[in-house]
């Protein structure tokens, strides 16, 4: 979360950073609906390859704004997470259990007791990296419906934070010339989102302890 805020701040302050993000964003924005479809396909592919989607999420916020950007990124991230979950369940389950046996066992034990709740807490808390968690949950016994719904809800706050960061980068030059009050309100809104995500993660991490005890 702090990293996302730092990246957004650097992009906003750096002309080269804004130019790089703008290049990615304009490729999306100039393509209309095919661009959105292409974004979703690339996002899913990146998730399967365990490539962080932060830059793409920032770019979506940059070109589409906070609301449409969130409507694009949230389904894309859930589809990517679901694809990795299915791959973990049906394609690489044995390899995951051999490589991450104790961790997979701990997650499996937890979701076996309270599947939806544990997946939701895992999504809110950075106990395991996002891309790795997708595969590990696929190797667990959680059912697909609980996984998808809990992932959607648990990933939504963090996704919103990254997309909002991208939208703020897009408006950064204008904010410099805007009334101080407007700029301050936008900055306060973004950092309030960061605080909410951070506090939710802290609470989720604490709530997970009883479930992940070996």
N, C-alpha and C. Protein backbone atom coordinates (compact mmCIF):
# COMPACT_ATOMS: atom_id res chain seq x y z
N UNK A 1 0.82 -1.20 0.00
CA UNK A 1 0.00 0.00 0.00
C UNK A 1 0.86 1.25 0.00
N UNK A 2 1.89 1.25 0.86
CA UNK A 2 2.81 2.37 0.87
C UNK A 2 3.54 2.47 -0.46
N UNK A 3 3.87 1.30 -1.05
CA UNK A 3 4.56 1.28 -2.33
C UNK A 3 3.69 1.90 -3.42
N UNK A 4 2.40 1.57 -3.43
CA UNK A 4 1.50 2.14 -4.43
C UNK A 4 1.45 3.65 -4.30
N UNK A 5 1.35 4.14 -3.06
CA UNK A 5 1.31 5.58 -2.82
C UNK A 5 2.62 6.23 -3.30
N UNK A 6 3.74 5.57 -3.05
CA UNK A 6 5.03 6.12 -3.45
C UNK A 6 5.16 6.15 -4.97
N UNK A 7 4.73 5.07 -5.63
CA UNK A 7 4.78 5.03 -7.10
C UNK A 7 3.90 6.12 -7.70
N UNK A 8 2.70 6.28 -7.14
CA UNK A 8 1.79 7.32 -7.65
C UNK A 8 2.40 8.70 -7.47
N UNK A 9 3.01 8.93 -6.30
CA UNK A 9 3.64 10.23 -6.05
C UNK A 9 4.78 10.49 -7.03
N UNK A 10 5.58 9.46 -7.29
CA UNK A 10 6.69 9.62 -8.23
C UNK A 10 6.17 9.91 -9.63
N UNK A 11 5.14 9.18 -10.05
CA UNK A 11 4.59 9.40 -11.39
C UNK A 11 4.02 10.81 -11.52
N UNK A 12 3.35 11.25 -10.45
CA UNK A 12 2.76 12.59 -10.49
C UNK A 12 3.82 13.67 -10.58
N UNK A 13 4.96 13.45 -9.91
CA UNK A 13 6.01 14.47 -9.85
C UNK A 13 6.97 14.40 -11.02
N UNK A 14 7.04 13.25 -11.68
CA UNK A 14 8.05 13.05 -12.72
C UNK A 14 7.44 13.16 -14.11
N UNK A 15 7.90 14.10 -14.92
CA UNK A 15 7.41 14.19 -16.30
C UNK A 15 7.63 12.90 -17.08
N UNK A 16 8.79 12.26 -16.89
CA UNK A 16 9.06 11.01 -17.61
C UNK A 16 8.13 9.89 -17.13
N UNK A 17 7.84 9.88 -15.83
CA UNK A 17 6.92 8.88 -15.29
C UNK A 17 5.52 9.06 -15.86
N UNK A 18 5.05 10.31 -15.89
CA UNK A 18 3.72 10.57 -16.45
C UNK A 18 3.69 10.21 -17.93
N UNK A 19 4.80 10.49 -18.64
CA UNK A 19 4.85 10.19 -20.07
C UNK A 19 4.76 8.69 -20.31
N UNK A 20 5.48 7.89 -19.49
CA UNK A 20 5.44 6.45 -19.64
C UNK A 20 4.06 5.89 -19.36
N UNK A 21 3.43 6.37 -18.29
CA UNK A 21 2.08 5.92 -17.96
C UNK A 21 1.10 6.39 -19.01
N UNK A 22 1.29 7.60 -19.50
CA UNK A 22 0.40 8.13 -20.53
C UNK A 22 0.47 7.30 -21.81
N UNK A 23 1.67 6.80 -22.13
CA UNK A 23 1.83 5.98 -23.34
C UNK A 23 1.01 4.70 -23.23
N UNK A 24 1.12 4.03 -22.06
CA UNK A 24 0.32 2.83 -21.83
C UNK A 24 -1.17 3.16 -21.87
N UNK A 25 -1.52 4.26 -21.21
CA UNK A 25 -2.93 4.62 -21.10
C UNK A 25 -3.54 4.99 -22.45
N UNK A 26 -2.80 5.75 -23.25
CA UNK A 26 -3.36 6.18 -24.52
C UNK A 26 -3.59 5.01 -25.47
N UNK A 27 -2.77 3.98 -25.35
CA UNK A 27 -3.00 2.78 -26.17
C UNK A 27 -4.34 2.15 -25.81
N UNK A 28 -4.70 2.24 -24.54
CA UNK A 28 -5.99 1.73 -24.11
C UNK A 28 -7.12 2.65 -24.55
N UNK A 29 -6.96 3.94 -24.25
CA UNK A 29 -8.03 4.88 -24.49
C UNK A 29 -8.37 5.07 -25.95
N UNK A 30 -7.38 4.95 -26.82
CA UNK A 30 -7.62 5.16 -28.24
C UNK A 30 -8.32 3.99 -28.91
N UNK A 31 -8.47 2.88 -28.20
CA UNK A 31 -9.01 1.66 -28.81
C UNK A 31 -10.46 1.37 -28.44
N UNK A 32 -11.06 2.19 -27.58
CA UNK A 32 -12.45 1.99 -27.21
C UNK A 32 -12.69 0.64 -26.54
N UNK A 33 -13.82 0.01 -26.91
CA UNK A 33 -14.17 -1.28 -26.31
C UNK A 33 -13.15 -2.38 -26.62
N UNK A 34 -12.60 -2.43 -27.84
CA UNK A 34 -11.53 -3.42 -28.07
C UNK A 34 -10.34 -3.21 -27.15
N UNK A 35 -10.06 -1.96 -26.82
CA UNK A 35 -8.97 -1.67 -25.89
C UNK A 35 -9.25 -2.21 -24.50
N UNK A 36 -10.51 -2.09 -24.07
CA UNK A 36 -10.89 -2.63 -22.76
C UNK A 36 -10.78 -4.15 -22.78
N UNK A 37 -11.27 -4.76 -23.86
CA UNK A 37 -11.18 -6.23 -23.97
C UNK A 37 -9.72 -6.67 -23.98
N UNK A 38 -8.89 -5.95 -24.71
CA UNK A 38 -7.47 -6.28 -24.75
C UNK A 38 -6.82 -6.13 -23.39
N UNK A 39 -7.23 -5.08 -22.66
CA UNK A 39 -6.72 -4.86 -21.31
C UNK A 39 -7.04 -6.05 -20.42
N UNK A 40 -8.28 -6.54 -20.50
CA UNK A 40 -8.70 -7.66 -19.67
C UNK A 40 -7.88 -8.91 -20.01
N UNK A 41 -7.70 -9.16 -21.31
CA UNK A 41 -6.94 -10.34 -21.74
C UNK A 41 -5.50 -10.27 -21.24
N UNK A 42 -4.87 -9.10 -21.39
CA UNK A 42 -3.48 -8.95 -20.95
C UNK A 42 -3.39 -9.06 -19.43
N UNK A 43 -4.36 -8.50 -18.73
CA UNK A 43 -4.35 -8.56 -17.26
C UNK A 43 -4.46 -10.02 -16.79
N UNK A 44 -5.35 -10.77 -17.40
CA UNK A 44 -5.50 -12.18 -17.04
C UNK A 44 -4.21 -12.94 -17.32
N UNK A 45 -3.61 -12.69 -18.49
CA UNK A 45 -2.36 -13.36 -18.83
C UNK A 45 -1.25 -13.01 -17.86
N UNK A 46 -1.16 -11.74 -17.49
CA UNK A 46 -0.13 -11.31 -16.54
C UNK A 46 -0.32 -11.98 -15.19
N UNK A 47 -1.58 -12.13 -14.76
CA UNK A 47 -1.85 -12.78 -13.48
C UNK A 47 -1.44 -14.25 -13.52
N UNK A 48 -1.73 -14.92 -14.62
CA UNK A 48 -1.33 -16.32 -14.76
C UNK A 48 0.19 -16.47 -14.72
N UNK A 49 0.89 -15.47 -15.26
CA UNK A 49 2.35 -15.51 -15.28
C UNK A 49 2.95 -14.91 -14.00
N UNK A 50 2.08 -14.54 -13.06
CA UNK A 50 2.50 -13.98 -11.77
C UNK A 50 3.24 -12.65 -11.94
N UNK A 51 2.82 -11.87 -12.93
CA UNK A 51 3.37 -10.53 -13.15
C UNK A 51 2.45 -9.53 -12.46
N UNK A 52 2.97 -8.66 -11.59
CA UNK A 52 2.12 -7.68 -10.91
C UNK A 52 1.37 -6.80 -11.90
N UNK A 53 0.09 -6.57 -11.61
CA UNK A 53 -0.73 -5.76 -12.51
C UNK A 53 -0.86 -4.31 -12.08
N UNK A 54 0.02 -3.86 -11.18
CA UNK A 54 -0.11 -2.51 -10.64
C UNK A 54 -0.03 -1.44 -11.71
N UNK A 55 0.95 -1.55 -12.61
CA UNK A 55 1.11 -0.53 -13.64
C UNK A 55 -0.11 -0.45 -14.54
N UNK A 56 -0.68 -1.61 -14.91
CA UNK A 56 -1.86 -1.61 -15.75
C UNK A 56 -3.05 -1.00 -15.02
N UNK A 57 -3.16 -1.27 -13.72
CA UNK A 57 -4.25 -0.70 -12.93
C UNK A 57 -4.10 0.82 -12.83
N UNK A 58 -2.87 1.27 -12.63
CA UNK A 58 -2.61 2.72 -12.63
C UNK A 58 -2.97 3.34 -13.97
N UNK A 59 -2.59 2.64 -15.05
CA UNK A 59 -2.88 3.14 -16.40
C UNK A 59 -4.38 3.23 -16.64
N UNK A 60 -5.14 2.24 -16.15
CA UNK A 60 -6.59 2.27 -16.32
C UNK A 60 -7.19 3.47 -15.60
N UNK A 61 -6.71 3.73 -14.38
CA UNK A 61 -7.18 4.91 -13.66
C UNK A 61 -6.80 6.19 -14.38
N UNK A 62 -5.61 6.20 -14.99
CA UNK A 62 -5.11 7.36 -15.71
C UNK A 62 -6.02 7.73 -16.87
N UNK A 63 -6.38 6.71 -17.68
CA UNK A 63 -7.11 7.00 -18.92
C UNK A 63 -8.63 6.98 -18.73
N UNK A 64 -9.14 6.13 -17.84
CA UNK A 64 -10.58 5.99 -17.71
C UNK A 64 -11.15 6.77 -16.53
N UNK A 65 -10.30 7.22 -15.62
CA UNK A 65 -10.79 7.88 -14.42
C UNK A 65 -11.10 6.86 -13.34
N UNK A 66 -11.43 7.33 -12.13
CA UNK A 66 -11.59 6.40 -11.01
C UNK A 66 -12.75 5.43 -11.14
N UNK A 67 -13.91 5.89 -11.64
CA UNK A 67 -15.09 5.03 -11.63
C UNK A 67 -15.06 4.00 -12.77
N UNK A 68 -14.87 4.48 -14.01
CA UNK A 68 -14.81 3.54 -15.12
C UNK A 68 -13.57 2.67 -15.01
N UNK A 69 -12.47 3.26 -14.53
CA UNK A 69 -11.26 2.48 -14.34
C UNK A 69 -11.48 1.32 -13.39
N UNK A 70 -12.20 1.58 -12.30
CA UNK A 70 -12.50 0.52 -11.34
C UNK A 70 -13.41 -0.54 -11.95
N UNK A 71 -14.37 -0.11 -12.78
CA UNK A 71 -15.27 -1.05 -13.45
C UNK A 71 -14.53 -1.93 -14.46
N UNK A 72 -13.40 -1.45 -14.96
CA UNK A 72 -12.60 -2.24 -15.88
C UNK A 72 -11.64 -3.15 -15.13
N UNK A 73 -10.93 -2.59 -14.16
CA UNK A 73 -9.86 -3.33 -13.48
C UNK A 73 -10.41 -4.41 -12.55
N UNK A 74 -11.47 -4.11 -11.82
CA UNK A 74 -11.98 -5.08 -10.85
C UNK A 74 -12.38 -6.40 -11.50
N UNK A 75 -13.21 -6.40 -12.56
CA UNK A 75 -13.51 -7.68 -13.21
C UNK A 75 -12.28 -8.35 -13.80
N UNK A 76 -11.36 -7.54 -14.36
CA UNK A 76 -10.14 -8.12 -14.94
C UNK A 76 -9.32 -8.83 -13.88
N UNK A 77 -9.19 -8.21 -12.70
CA UNK A 77 -8.39 -8.82 -11.63
C UNK A 77 -9.06 -10.09 -11.10
N UNK A 78 -10.39 -10.08 -11.01
CA UNK A 78 -11.10 -11.27 -10.55
C UNK A 78 -11.00 -12.40 -11.57
N UNK A 79 -11.12 -12.05 -12.85
CA UNK A 79 -10.98 -13.07 -13.90
C UNK A 79 -9.57 -13.66 -13.88
N UNK A 80 -8.56 -12.81 -13.71
CA UNK A 80 -7.18 -13.30 -13.64
C UNK A 80 -6.96 -14.20 -12.44
N UNK A 81 -7.50 -13.77 -11.29
CA UNK A 81 -7.38 -14.57 -10.08
C UNK A 81 -8.09 -15.90 -10.22
N UNK A 82 -9.24 -15.90 -10.90
CA UNK A 82 -10.00 -17.13 -11.10
C UNK A 82 -9.28 -18.08 -12.06
N UNK A 83 -8.68 -17.52 -13.11
CA UNK A 83 -7.92 -18.34 -14.05
C UNK A 83 -6.74 -19.01 -13.35
N UNK A 84 -6.04 -18.25 -12.50
CA UNK A 84 -4.91 -18.82 -11.76
C UNK A 84 -5.39 -19.86 -10.75
N UNK A 85 -6.54 -19.61 -10.13
CA UNK A 85 -7.13 -20.57 -9.19
C UNK A 85 -7.41 -21.90 -9.89
N UNK A 86 -8.02 -21.83 -11.07
CA UNK A 86 -8.34 -23.06 -11.81
C UNK A 86 -7.07 -23.77 -12.28
N UNK A 87 -6.06 -22.99 -12.65
CA UNK A 87 -4.79 -23.61 -13.03
C UNK A 87 -4.15 -24.30 -11.83
N UNK A 88 -4.25 -23.65 -10.66
CA UNK A 88 -3.71 -24.26 -9.45
C UNK A 88 -4.45 -25.52 -9.05
N UNK A 89 -5.72 -25.58 -9.37
CA UNK A 89 -6.52 -26.75 -8.98
C UNK A 89 -6.36 -27.91 -9.96
N UNK A 90 -6.28 -27.61 -11.26
CA UNK A 90 -6.35 -28.68 -12.24
C UNK A 90 -5.05 -28.92 -13.02
N UNK A 91 -4.11 -27.98 -12.99
CA UNK A 91 -2.92 -28.12 -13.80
C UNK A 91 -1.63 -28.28 -12.99
N UNK A 92 -1.48 -27.52 -11.93
CA UNK A 92 -0.19 -27.52 -11.21
C UNK A 92 -0.36 -27.80 -9.71
N UNK A 93 -1.42 -28.50 -9.37
CA UNK A 93 -1.69 -28.73 -7.95
C UNK A 93 -0.57 -29.54 -7.27
N UNK A 94 -0.12 -30.57 -7.92
CA UNK A 94 0.93 -31.40 -7.32
C UNK A 94 2.23 -30.62 -7.14
N UNK A 95 2.57 -29.79 -8.13
CA UNK A 95 3.78 -28.99 -8.03
C UNK A 95 3.69 -27.99 -6.88
N UNK A 96 2.51 -27.39 -6.71
CA UNK A 96 2.32 -26.43 -5.62
C UNK A 96 2.46 -27.12 -4.26
N UNK A 97 1.86 -28.28 -4.14
CA UNK A 97 1.93 -29.00 -2.87
C UNK A 97 3.35 -29.44 -2.57
N UNK A 98 4.12 -29.77 -3.61
CA UNK A 98 5.51 -30.17 -3.41
C UNK A 98 6.37 -28.97 -3.03
N UNK A 99 6.10 -27.81 -3.65
CA UNK A 99 6.94 -26.62 -3.44
C UNK A 99 6.53 -25.85 -2.18
N UNK A 100 5.23 -25.73 -1.92
CA UNK A 100 4.74 -24.92 -0.80
C UNK A 100 3.88 -25.76 0.14
N UNK A 101 4.27 -27.01 0.37
CA UNK A 101 3.47 -27.94 1.14
C UNK A 101 2.91 -27.39 2.45
N UNK A 102 3.74 -26.91 3.38
CA UNK A 102 3.22 -26.41 4.67
C UNK A 102 2.27 -25.22 4.51
N UNK A 103 2.59 -24.31 3.60
CA UNK A 103 1.73 -23.14 3.40
C UNK A 103 0.39 -23.54 2.80
N UNK A 104 0.45 -24.43 1.80
CA UNK A 104 -0.80 -24.90 1.19
C UNK A 104 -1.64 -25.63 2.22
N UNK A 105 -1.00 -26.43 3.07
CA UNK A 105 -1.72 -27.17 4.10
C UNK A 105 -2.39 -26.21 5.09
N UNK A 106 -1.65 -25.16 5.49
CA UNK A 106 -2.22 -24.19 6.43
C UNK A 106 -3.43 -23.48 5.84
N UNK A 107 -3.31 -23.07 4.58
CA UNK A 107 -4.44 -22.41 3.91
C UNK A 107 -5.61 -23.38 3.76
N UNK A 108 -5.32 -24.63 3.41
CA UNK A 108 -6.37 -25.62 3.22
C UNK A 108 -7.12 -25.89 4.52
N UNK A 109 -6.37 -25.99 5.61
CA UNK A 109 -6.99 -26.20 6.91
C UNK A 109 -7.91 -25.04 7.28
N UNK A 110 -7.43 -23.82 6.98
CA UNK A 110 -8.22 -22.63 7.32
C UNK A 110 -9.50 -22.54 6.50
N UNK A 111 -9.38 -22.71 5.18
CA UNK A 111 -10.58 -22.56 4.35
C UNK A 111 -11.53 -23.73 4.54
N UNK A 112 -11.01 -24.86 5.01
CA UNK A 112 -11.88 -25.98 5.31
C UNK A 112 -12.83 -25.68 6.46
N UNK A 113 -12.42 -24.77 7.35
CA UNK A 113 -13.26 -24.41 8.50
C UNK A 113 -14.22 -23.26 8.17
N UNK A 114 -13.70 -22.22 7.54
CA UNK A 114 -14.53 -21.05 7.20
C UNK A 114 -14.08 -20.51 5.85
N UNK A 115 -14.47 -21.20 4.78
CA UNK A 115 -13.95 -20.90 3.45
C UNK A 115 -14.08 -19.45 3.02
N UNK A 116 -15.32 -18.96 2.95
CA UNK A 116 -15.55 -17.61 2.45
C UNK A 116 -14.84 -16.57 3.31
N UNK A 117 -14.98 -16.68 4.63
CA UNK A 117 -14.39 -15.70 5.53
C UNK A 117 -12.88 -15.67 5.41
N UNK A 118 -12.26 -16.84 5.36
CA UNK A 118 -10.80 -16.90 5.30
C UNK A 118 -10.28 -16.34 3.98
N UNK A 119 -10.92 -16.67 2.87
CA UNK A 119 -10.50 -16.11 1.59
C UNK A 119 -10.64 -14.59 1.61
N UNK A 120 -11.73 -14.09 2.16
CA UNK A 120 -11.94 -12.65 2.26
C UNK A 120 -10.82 -12.00 3.08
N UNK A 121 -10.48 -12.58 4.22
CA UNK A 121 -9.43 -12.03 5.07
C UNK A 121 -8.07 -12.12 4.39
N UNK A 122 -7.82 -13.22 3.68
CA UNK A 122 -6.55 -13.36 2.96
C UNK A 122 -6.43 -12.29 1.88
N UNK A 123 -7.52 -11.95 1.24
CA UNK A 123 -7.49 -10.92 0.21
C UNK A 123 -7.26 -9.53 0.82
N UNK A 124 -7.81 -9.30 1.98
CA UNK A 124 -7.64 -8.00 2.63
C UNK A 124 -6.26 -7.85 3.24
N UNK A 125 -5.66 -8.97 3.63
CA UNK A 125 -4.37 -8.92 4.32
C UNK A 125 -3.26 -9.45 3.41
N UNK A 126 -2.12 -8.76 3.36
CA UNK A 126 -1.00 -9.23 2.52
C UNK A 126 -0.16 -10.31 3.19
N UNK A 127 -0.82 -11.33 3.77
CA UNK A 127 -0.10 -12.44 4.38
C UNK A 127 0.66 -13.21 3.31
N UNK A 128 0.01 -13.43 2.17
CA UNK A 128 0.64 -14.08 1.03
C UNK A 128 0.55 -13.14 -0.17
N UNK A 129 1.56 -13.11 -1.05
CA UNK A 129 1.48 -12.28 -2.26
C UNK A 129 0.26 -12.66 -3.09
N UNK A 130 -0.34 -11.66 -3.72
CA UNK A 130 -1.58 -11.85 -4.47
C UNK A 130 -1.48 -12.97 -5.50
N UNK A 131 -0.45 -12.92 -6.36
CA UNK A 131 -0.35 -13.89 -7.44
C UNK A 131 -0.12 -15.31 -6.93
N UNK A 132 0.70 -15.44 -5.90
CA UNK A 132 0.93 -16.76 -5.32
C UNK A 132 -0.32 -17.29 -4.64
N UNK A 133 -1.05 -16.41 -3.96
CA UNK A 133 -2.26 -16.83 -3.24
C UNK A 133 -3.30 -17.41 -4.19
N UNK A 134 -3.40 -16.87 -5.39
CA UNK A 134 -4.36 -17.40 -6.36
C UNK A 134 -4.14 -18.89 -6.58
N UNK A 135 -2.89 -19.27 -6.79
CA UNK A 135 -2.56 -20.67 -7.05
C UNK A 135 -2.70 -21.52 -5.79
N UNK A 136 -2.28 -20.96 -4.65
CA UNK A 136 -2.37 -21.72 -3.41
C UNK A 136 -3.82 -22.03 -3.04
N UNK A 137 -4.71 -21.08 -3.26
CA UNK A 137 -6.12 -21.32 -2.98
C UNK A 137 -6.69 -22.35 -3.96
N UNK A 138 -6.17 -22.38 -5.18
CA UNK A 138 -6.59 -23.39 -6.12
C UNK A 138 -6.23 -24.79 -5.65
N UNK A 139 -5.11 -24.90 -4.93
CA UNK A 139 -4.68 -26.20 -4.40
C UNK A 139 -5.37 -26.56 -3.09
N UNK A 140 -6.21 -25.65 -2.58
CA UNK A 140 -6.95 -25.91 -1.34
C UNK A 140 -8.32 -26.49 -1.67
N UNK A 141 -9.14 -26.66 -0.63
CA UNK A 141 -10.46 -27.27 -0.82
C UNK A 141 -11.59 -26.25 -0.94
N UNK A 142 -11.28 -24.95 -0.99
CA UNK A 142 -12.34 -23.95 -1.08
C UNK A 142 -13.08 -24.11 -2.40
N UNK A 143 -14.40 -23.91 -2.37
CA UNK A 143 -15.15 -24.07 -3.62
C UNK A 143 -15.07 -22.78 -4.45
N UNK A 144 -15.29 -22.93 -5.75
CA UNK A 144 -15.09 -21.84 -6.69
C UNK A 144 -16.00 -20.64 -6.40
N UNK A 145 -17.26 -20.88 -6.07
CA UNK A 145 -18.20 -19.79 -5.84
C UNK A 145 -17.76 -18.92 -4.67
N UNK A 146 -17.38 -19.54 -3.55
CA UNK A 146 -16.90 -18.78 -2.40
C UNK A 146 -15.62 -18.03 -2.74
N UNK A 147 -14.76 -18.67 -3.48
CA UNK A 147 -13.49 -18.05 -3.86
C UNK A 147 -13.72 -16.78 -4.67
N UNK A 148 -14.57 -16.88 -5.69
CA UNK A 148 -14.79 -15.74 -6.59
C UNK A 148 -15.43 -14.58 -5.83
N UNK A 149 -16.47 -14.84 -5.05
CA UNK A 149 -17.16 -13.77 -4.34
C UNK A 149 -16.26 -13.13 -3.28
N UNK A 150 -15.57 -13.96 -2.50
CA UNK A 150 -14.70 -13.42 -1.46
C UNK A 150 -13.52 -12.67 -2.07
N UNK A 151 -13.01 -13.15 -3.20
CA UNK A 151 -11.91 -12.46 -3.86
C UNK A 151 -12.37 -11.11 -4.38
N UNK A 152 -13.54 -11.07 -4.99
CA UNK A 152 -14.07 -9.80 -5.50
C UNK A 152 -14.18 -8.77 -4.38
N UNK A 153 -14.79 -9.16 -3.28
CA UNK A 153 -15.00 -8.21 -2.17
C UNK A 153 -13.68 -7.85 -1.50
N UNK A 154 -12.82 -8.84 -1.28
CA UNK A 154 -11.58 -8.58 -0.58
C UNK A 154 -10.56 -7.79 -1.38
N UNK A 155 -10.58 -7.95 -2.70
CA UNK A 155 -9.64 -7.24 -3.56
C UNK A 155 -10.11 -5.83 -3.91
N UNK A 156 -11.40 -5.56 -3.74
CA UNK A 156 -11.97 -4.30 -4.19
C UNK A 156 -11.32 -3.06 -3.55
N UNK A 157 -11.09 -3.02 -2.22
CA UNK A 157 -10.48 -1.81 -1.64
C UNK A 157 -9.09 -1.52 -2.21
N UNK A 158 -8.24 -2.54 -2.30
CA UNK A 158 -6.91 -2.33 -2.84
C UNK A 158 -6.93 -1.93 -4.31
N UNK A 159 -7.84 -2.54 -5.08
CA UNK A 159 -7.98 -2.19 -6.49
C UNK A 159 -8.41 -0.74 -6.65
N UNK A 160 -9.37 -0.33 -5.83
CA UNK A 160 -9.84 1.07 -5.87
C UNK A 160 -8.70 2.02 -5.56
N UNK A 161 -7.87 1.68 -4.58
CA UNK A 161 -6.76 2.55 -4.20
C UNK A 161 -5.80 2.76 -5.37
N UNK A 162 -5.45 1.67 -6.06
CA UNK A 162 -4.50 1.78 -7.17
C UNK A 162 -5.11 2.57 -8.33
N UNK A 163 -6.37 2.31 -8.65
CA UNK A 163 -7.02 3.01 -9.75
C UNK A 163 -7.16 4.49 -9.44
N UNK A 164 -7.52 4.82 -8.20
CA UNK A 164 -7.62 6.23 -7.80
C UNK A 164 -6.25 6.90 -7.92
N UNK A 165 -5.20 6.17 -7.53
CA UNK A 165 -3.84 6.72 -7.66
C UNK A 165 -3.55 7.06 -9.12
N UNK A 166 -3.93 6.17 -10.03
CA UNK A 166 -3.71 6.45 -11.45
C UNK A 166 -4.50 7.64 -11.94
N UNK A 167 -5.73 7.79 -11.47
CA UNK A 167 -6.55 8.94 -11.89
C UNK A 167 -5.97 10.25 -11.36
N UNK A 168 -5.36 10.19 -10.17
CA UNK A 168 -4.74 11.40 -9.61
C UNK A 168 -3.49 11.79 -10.39
N UNK A 169 -2.77 10.79 -10.88
CA UNK A 169 -1.61 11.09 -11.72
C UNK A 169 -2.04 11.84 -12.97
N UNK A 170 -3.17 11.44 -13.53
CA UNK A 170 -3.68 12.09 -14.74
C UNK A 170 -4.02 13.54 -14.49
N UNK A 171 -4.49 13.86 -13.29
CA UNK A 171 -4.92 15.24 -12.99
C UNK A 171 -3.85 16.04 -12.28
N UNK A 172 -2.67 15.44 -12.05
CA UNK A 172 -1.63 16.12 -11.28
C UNK A 172 -1.23 17.47 -11.88
N UNK A 173 -0.99 17.56 -13.21
CA UNK A 173 -0.63 18.88 -13.74
C UNK A 173 -1.72 19.92 -13.51
N UNK A 174 -2.98 19.51 -13.66
CA UNK A 174 -4.08 20.44 -13.43
C UNK A 174 -4.19 20.86 -11.99
N UNK A 175 -3.87 19.96 -11.09
CA UNK A 175 -3.95 20.28 -9.68
C UNK A 175 -2.98 21.39 -9.29
N UNK A 176 -1.86 21.45 -10.01
CA UNK A 176 -0.87 22.47 -9.70
C UNK A 176 -1.43 23.86 -9.97
N UNK A 177 -2.37 23.95 -10.93
CA UNK A 177 -2.96 25.24 -11.28
C UNK A 177 -4.34 25.44 -10.68
N UNK A 178 -4.82 24.42 -9.97
CA UNK A 178 -6.17 24.51 -9.39
C UNK A 178 -6.13 25.26 -8.06
N UNK A 179 -7.32 25.54 -7.58
CA UNK A 179 -7.40 26.19 -6.27
C UNK A 179 -6.81 25.27 -5.22
N UNK A 180 -6.10 25.82 -4.24
CA UNK A 180 -5.48 24.99 -3.20
C UNK A 180 -6.47 24.06 -2.52
N UNK A 181 -7.70 24.56 -2.33
CA UNK A 181 -8.70 23.74 -1.64
C UNK A 181 -9.03 22.49 -2.44
N UNK A 182 -9.17 22.62 -3.77
CA UNK A 182 -9.50 21.46 -4.60
C UNK A 182 -8.40 20.43 -4.57
N UNK A 183 -7.16 20.89 -4.71
CA UNK A 183 -6.04 19.97 -4.66
C UNK A 183 -5.93 19.27 -3.32
N UNK A 184 -6.16 20.02 -2.26
CA UNK A 184 -6.07 19.44 -0.92
C UNK A 184 -7.14 18.38 -0.70
N UNK A 185 -8.36 18.65 -1.19
CA UNK A 185 -9.45 17.69 -1.02
C UNK A 185 -9.16 16.39 -1.76
N UNK A 186 -8.62 16.50 -2.97
CA UNK A 186 -8.31 15.28 -3.73
C UNK A 186 -7.19 14.49 -3.05
N UNK A 187 -6.18 15.20 -2.56
CA UNK A 187 -5.08 14.53 -1.87
C UNK A 187 -5.57 13.85 -0.61
N UNK A 188 -6.42 14.54 0.14
CA UNK A 188 -6.96 13.97 1.38
C UNK A 188 -7.80 12.73 1.07
N UNK A 189 -8.60 12.80 0.00
CA UNK A 189 -9.42 11.65 -0.37
C UNK A 189 -8.58 10.44 -0.70
N UNK A 190 -7.49 10.64 -1.44
CA UNK A 190 -6.63 9.51 -1.80
C UNK A 190 -5.96 8.91 -0.57
N UNK A 191 -5.38 9.75 0.26
CA UNK A 191 -4.68 9.22 1.42
C UNK A 191 -5.64 8.64 2.46
N UNK A 192 -6.88 9.12 2.47
CA UNK A 192 -7.89 8.48 3.33
C UNK A 192 -8.16 7.06 2.83
N UNK A 193 -8.19 6.88 1.51
CA UNK A 193 -8.36 5.54 0.94
C UNK A 193 -7.20 4.63 1.33
N UNK A 194 -5.98 5.17 1.28
CA UNK A 194 -4.80 4.40 1.67
C UNK A 194 -4.91 3.96 3.12
N UNK A 195 -5.34 4.88 3.99
CA UNK A 195 -5.46 4.57 5.42
C UNK A 195 -6.51 3.49 5.65
N UNK A 196 -7.63 3.58 4.95
CA UNK A 196 -8.69 2.58 5.10
C UNK A 196 -8.20 1.21 4.68
N UNK A 197 -7.48 1.14 3.55
CA UNK A 197 -6.96 -0.15 3.07
C UNK A 197 -5.93 -0.70 4.06
N UNK A 198 -5.06 0.17 4.55
CA UNK A 198 -4.03 -0.26 5.51
C UNK A 198 -4.66 -0.78 6.79
N UNK A 199 -5.67 -0.06 7.29
CA UNK A 199 -6.29 -0.47 8.55
C UNK A 199 -7.09 -1.77 8.37
N UNK A 200 -7.74 -1.91 7.21
CA UNK A 200 -8.47 -3.15 6.94
C UNK A 200 -7.51 -4.34 6.88
N UNK A 201 -6.36 -4.12 6.26
CA UNK A 201 -5.36 -5.19 6.18
C UNK A 201 -4.85 -5.57 7.56
N UNK A 202 -4.66 -4.58 8.41
CA UNK A 202 -4.19 -4.85 9.77
C UNK A 202 -5.21 -5.67 10.55
N UNK A 203 -6.46 -5.30 10.46
CA UNK A 203 -7.51 -6.04 11.15
C UNK A 203 -7.63 -7.46 10.60
N UNK A 204 -7.55 -7.58 9.27
CA UNK A 204 -7.66 -8.90 8.65
C UNK A 204 -6.51 -9.80 9.06
N UNK A 205 -5.30 -9.25 9.12
CA UNK A 205 -4.15 -10.05 9.52
C UNK A 205 -4.32 -10.57 10.94
N UNK A 206 -4.85 -9.74 11.82
CA UNK A 206 -5.09 -10.15 13.20
C UNK A 206 -6.17 -11.23 13.27
N UNK A 207 -7.23 -11.06 12.47
CA UNK A 207 -8.33 -12.03 12.48
C UNK A 207 -7.92 -13.37 11.88
N UNK A 208 -6.90 -13.37 11.03
CA UNK A 208 -6.47 -14.62 10.39
C UNK A 208 -5.67 -15.52 11.30
N UNK A 209 -5.07 -14.98 12.34
CA UNK A 209 -4.15 -15.75 13.17
C UNK A 209 -4.74 -17.07 13.67
N UNK A 210 -5.97 -17.07 14.20
CA UNK A 210 -6.51 -18.35 14.68
C UNK A 210 -6.68 -19.41 13.59
N UNK A 211 -6.89 -18.94 12.34
CA UNK A 211 -7.14 -19.89 11.26
C UNK A 211 -5.85 -20.46 10.66
N UNK A 212 -4.77 -19.71 10.73
CA UNK A 212 -3.52 -20.12 10.10
C UNK A 212 -2.51 -20.71 11.08
N UNK A 213 -2.93 -20.97 12.30
CA UNK A 213 -2.04 -21.63 13.25
C UNK A 213 -1.79 -23.07 12.78
N UNK A 214 -0.53 -23.45 12.80
CA UNK A 214 -0.18 -24.81 12.36
C UNK A 214 -0.47 -25.82 13.45
